[in-house]
Amino acid sequence: MQVKQAKPKEKEYLLGDGGNLFVRIRPNGSKYFEVIVRINSKKRRIFLSDATIISLEQARKLCEKELIRLKGLPKGMEKQN
């Protein structure tokens, strides 16, 4: 509900879902789900989907799968993806 009601502002901003899932709201009104994680002390943003295409529940499942995938990679391999 909060994702649908989020209004664009002058600057791009994030709405957090608690954990690593965020919705990025751009000034033009577009909304995107993304995962933000720290890997080797560097922040990584991983685009999941346009928020108008999938639901929050689907985005949470994708986020969980992405985090599992990242944890399963050997050390140093995370940088390549």
N, C-alpha and C. Protein backbone atom coordinates (compact mmCIF):
# COMPACT_ATOMS: atom_id res chain seq x y z
N MET A 1 0.83 -1.19 0.00
CA MET A 1 0.00 0.00 0.00
C MET A 1 0.88 1.26 0.00
N GLN A 2 1.92 1.22 0.83
CA GLN A 2 2.81 2.38 0.93
C GLN A 2 3.55 2.62 -0.39
N VAL A 3 3.87 1.53 -1.11
CA VAL A 3 4.56 1.66 -2.39
C VAL A 3 3.65 2.36 -3.40
N LYS A 4 2.40 1.95 -3.46
CA LYS A 4 1.46 2.56 -4.39
C LYS A 4 1.21 4.02 -4.07
N GLN A 5 1.19 4.36 -2.78
CA GLN A 5 0.87 5.72 -2.35
C GLN A 5 2.08 6.65 -2.36
N ALA A 6 3.27 6.12 -2.53
CA ALA A 6 4.48 6.95 -2.51
C ALA A 6 4.45 7.93 -3.67
N LYS A 7 4.64 9.18 -3.36
CA LYS A 7 4.62 10.25 -4.36
C LYS A 7 6.04 10.67 -4.70
N PRO A 8 6.28 11.04 -5.96
CA PRO A 8 7.61 11.52 -6.32
C PRO A 8 7.92 12.84 -5.63
N LYS A 9 9.18 13.03 -5.34
CA LYS A 9 9.66 14.27 -4.73
C LYS A 9 10.66 14.91 -5.69
N GLU A 10 11.18 16.03 -5.29
CA GLU A 10 12.15 16.73 -6.14
C GLU A 10 13.40 15.88 -6.37
N LYS A 11 13.79 15.14 -5.32
CA LYS A 11 14.96 14.27 -5.42
C LYS A 11 14.54 12.82 -5.25
N GLU A 12 15.30 11.94 -5.83
CA GLU A 12 15.09 10.50 -5.71
C GLU A 12 15.22 10.09 -4.25
N TYR A 13 14.39 9.13 -3.78
CA TYR A 13 14.50 8.66 -2.40
C TYR A 13 14.15 7.19 -2.31
N LEU A 14 14.47 6.59 -1.16
CA LEU A 14 14.23 5.17 -0.92
C LEU A 14 13.21 4.96 0.18
N LEU A 15 12.40 3.92 0.03
CA LEU A 15 11.53 3.43 1.09
C LEU A 15 12.04 2.04 1.44
N GLY A 16 12.35 1.82 2.70
CA GLY A 16 12.86 0.52 3.13
C GLY A 16 11.75 -0.40 3.59
N ASP A 17 11.97 -1.70 3.39
CA ASP A 17 11.01 -2.71 3.82
C ASP A 17 11.52 -3.40 5.08
N GLY A 18 12.60 -2.90 5.64
CA GLY A 18 13.22 -3.55 6.80
C GLY A 18 14.11 -4.66 6.26
N GLY A 19 15.34 -4.63 6.48
CA GLY A 19 16.22 -5.61 5.86
C GLY A 19 16.90 -5.00 4.65
N ASN A 20 17.00 -5.76 3.58
CA ASN A 20 17.77 -5.33 2.42
C ASN A 20 16.92 -4.90 1.23
N LEU A 21 15.60 -4.95 1.33
CA LEU A 21 14.74 -4.60 0.22
C LEU A 21 14.30 -3.13 0.31
N PHE A 22 14.41 -2.44 -0.83
CA PHE A 22 14.05 -1.03 -0.90
C PHE A 22 13.25 -0.75 -2.16
N VAL A 23 12.47 0.32 -2.12
CA VAL A 23 11.80 0.83 -3.30
C VAL A 23 12.42 2.20 -3.58
N ARG A 24 12.94 2.36 -4.78
CA ARG A 24 13.53 3.63 -5.19
C ARG A 24 12.45 4.40 -5.95
N ILE A 25 12.15 5.61 -5.48
CA ILE A 25 11.16 6.45 -6.13
C ILE A 25 11.89 7.62 -6.77
N ARG A 26 11.72 7.75 -8.08
CA ARG A 26 12.42 8.79 -8.82
C ARG A 26 11.51 10.01 -9.03
N PRO A 27 12.10 11.16 -9.31
CA PRO A 27 11.31 12.39 -9.50
C PRO A 27 10.26 12.29 -10.61
N ASN A 28 10.50 11.44 -11.60
CA ASN A 28 9.54 11.29 -12.70
C ASN A 28 8.38 10.35 -12.33
N GLY A 29 8.41 9.79 -11.09
CA GLY A 29 7.33 8.93 -10.62
C GLY A 29 7.58 7.44 -10.77
N SER A 30 8.66 7.05 -11.44
CA SER A 30 8.95 5.62 -11.60
C SER A 30 9.42 5.03 -10.26
N LYS A 31 9.07 3.76 -10.05
CA LYS A 31 9.39 3.08 -8.80
C LYS A 31 10.03 1.73 -9.12
N TYR A 32 11.12 1.42 -8.41
CA TYR A 32 11.86 0.20 -8.65
C TYR A 32 12.20 -0.49 -7.35
N PHE A 33 12.06 -1.82 -7.34
CA PHE A 33 12.52 -2.61 -6.20
C PHE A 33 14.00 -2.88 -6.39
N GLU A 34 14.76 -2.78 -5.31
CA GLU A 34 16.18 -3.12 -5.36
C GLU A 34 16.64 -3.67 -4.02
N VAL A 35 17.69 -4.46 -4.08
CA VAL A 35 18.33 -5.01 -2.89
C VAL A 35 19.61 -4.22 -2.69
N ILE A 36 19.84 -3.79 -1.46
CA ILE A 36 21.09 -3.10 -1.14
C ILE A 36 21.82 -3.91 -0.09
N VAL A 37 23.03 -4.35 -0.43
CA VAL A 37 23.83 -5.18 0.48
C VAL A 37 25.27 -4.67 0.51
N ARG A 38 25.97 -5.03 1.55
CA ARG A 38 27.41 -4.75 1.66
C ARG A 38 28.16 -6.04 1.38
N ILE A 39 29.06 -5.96 0.42
CA ILE A 39 29.90 -7.10 0.07
C ILE A 39 31.33 -6.61 0.05
N ASN A 40 32.17 -7.25 0.85
CA ASN A 40 33.58 -6.84 0.95
C ASN A 40 33.69 -5.34 1.25
N SER A 41 32.90 -4.87 2.18
CA SER A 41 32.87 -3.47 2.64
C SER A 41 32.41 -2.47 1.58
N LYS A 42 31.81 -2.96 0.48
CA LYS A 42 31.30 -2.07 -0.54
C LYS A 42 29.80 -2.26 -0.67
N LYS A 43 29.10 -1.15 -0.82
CA LYS A 43 27.65 -1.19 -0.99
C LYS A 43 27.33 -1.59 -2.42
N ARG A 44 26.44 -2.58 -2.56
CA ARG A 44 25.99 -3.02 -3.89
C ARG A 44 24.49 -2.83 -3.99
N ARG A 45 24.04 -2.30 -5.09
CA ARG A 45 22.61 -2.17 -5.37
C ARG A 45 22.27 -3.12 -6.50
N ILE A 46 21.29 -3.96 -6.25
CA ILE A 46 20.90 -4.95 -7.24
C ILE A 46 19.44 -4.70 -7.62
N PHE A 47 19.22 -4.34 -8.87
CA PHE A 47 17.90 -4.06 -9.37
C PHE A 47 17.10 -5.35 -9.44
N LEU A 48 15.87 -5.34 -8.93
CA LEU A 48 15.00 -6.52 -9.00
C LEU A 48 13.94 -6.37 -10.08
N SER A 49 13.16 -5.30 -10.01
CA SER A 49 12.08 -5.14 -10.98
C SER A 49 11.43 -3.78 -10.84
N ASP A 50 10.70 -3.41 -11.85
CA ASP A 50 9.84 -2.23 -11.80
C ASP A 50 8.73 -2.54 -10.80
N ALA A 51 8.45 -1.62 -9.90
CA ALA A 51 7.45 -1.86 -8.85
C ALA A 51 6.02 -1.91 -9.39
N THR A 52 5.81 -1.51 -10.63
CA THR A 52 4.47 -1.60 -11.21
C THR A 52 4.22 -2.98 -11.82
N ILE A 53 5.27 -3.78 -11.95
CA ILE A 53 5.15 -5.10 -12.58
C ILE A 53 4.93 -6.21 -11.57
N ILE A 54 5.64 -6.14 -10.43
CA ILE A 54 5.51 -7.20 -9.43
C ILE A 54 5.02 -6.62 -8.11
N SER A 55 4.47 -7.49 -7.27
CA SER A 55 3.96 -7.07 -5.97
C SER A 55 5.08 -7.03 -4.94
N LEU A 56 4.81 -6.43 -3.81
CA LEU A 56 5.78 -6.38 -2.72
C LEU A 56 6.13 -7.79 -2.26
N GLU A 57 5.14 -8.65 -2.19
CA GLU A 57 5.37 -10.04 -1.78
C GLU A 57 6.33 -10.75 -2.74
N GLN A 58 6.13 -10.55 -4.04
CA GLN A 58 7.02 -11.14 -5.04
C GLN A 58 8.43 -10.55 -4.92
N ALA A 59 8.52 -9.25 -4.66
CA ALA A 59 9.82 -8.59 -4.50
C ALA A 59 10.55 -9.15 -3.28
N ARG A 60 9.82 -9.41 -2.20
CA ARG A 60 10.45 -10.00 -1.01
C ARG A 60 11.04 -11.36 -1.32
N LYS A 61 10.32 -12.17 -2.10
CA LYS A 61 10.82 -13.50 -2.47
C LYS A 61 12.06 -13.39 -3.35
N LEU A 62 12.03 -12.46 -4.31
CA LEU A 62 13.21 -12.24 -5.16
C LEU A 62 14.40 -11.77 -4.34
N CYS A 63 14.16 -10.90 -3.38
CA CYS A 63 15.21 -10.39 -2.51
C CYS A 63 15.84 -11.54 -1.74
N GLU A 64 15.01 -12.39 -1.18
CA GLU A 64 15.51 -13.54 -0.42
C GLU A 64 16.37 -14.46 -1.31
N LYS A 65 15.91 -14.72 -2.52
CA LYS A 65 16.68 -15.56 -3.46
C LYS A 65 18.01 -14.91 -3.81
N GLU A 66 17.99 -13.61 -4.02
CA GLU A 66 19.23 -12.89 -4.36
C GLU A 66 20.22 -12.93 -3.21
N LEU A 67 19.74 -12.76 -1.98
CA LEU A 67 20.63 -12.81 -0.82
C LEU A 67 21.22 -14.22 -0.65
N ILE A 68 20.41 -15.24 -0.88
CA ILE A 68 20.91 -16.62 -0.81
C ILE A 68 21.97 -16.84 -1.87
N ARG A 69 21.72 -16.35 -3.08
CA ARG A 69 22.69 -16.50 -4.17
C ARG A 69 24.01 -15.82 -3.82
N LEU A 70 23.94 -14.60 -3.28
CA LEU A 70 25.16 -13.88 -2.93
C LEU A 70 25.93 -14.55 -1.81
N LYS A 71 25.22 -15.12 -0.84
CA LYS A 71 25.89 -15.80 0.27
C LYS A 71 26.55 -17.09 -0.18
N GLY A 72 26.03 -17.70 -1.26
CA GLY A 72 26.57 -18.96 -1.75
C GLY A 72 27.78 -18.82 -2.64
N LEU A 73 28.10 -17.60 -3.05
CA LEU A 73 29.25 -17.40 -3.93
C LEU A 73 30.55 -17.46 -3.13
N PRO A 74 31.58 -18.04 -3.71
CA PRO A 74 32.88 -18.04 -3.04
C PRO A 74 33.38 -16.61 -2.84
N LYS A 75 34.19 -16.41 -1.80
CA LYS A 75 34.73 -15.09 -1.50
C LYS A 75 35.47 -14.53 -2.71
N GLY A 76 35.19 -13.30 -3.03
CA GLY A 76 35.83 -12.66 -4.17
C GLY A 76 35.01 -12.76 -5.45
N MET A 77 34.15 -13.75 -5.56
CA MET A 77 33.33 -13.92 -6.77
C MET A 77 32.17 -12.94 -6.80
N GLU A 78 31.77 -12.36 -5.67
CA GLU A 78 30.63 -11.45 -5.63
C GLU A 78 30.85 -10.25 -6.52
N LYS A 79 32.09 -9.83 -6.69
CA LYS A 79 32.41 -8.64 -7.46
C LYS A 79 32.09 -8.83 -8.95
N GLN A 80 32.11 -10.06 -9.42
CA GLN A 80 31.92 -10.33 -10.83
C GLN A 80 30.46 -10.27 -11.26
N ASN A 81 29.53 -10.34 -10.32
CA ASN A 81 28.10 -10.34 -10.69
C ASN A 81 27.47 -9.00 -10.49
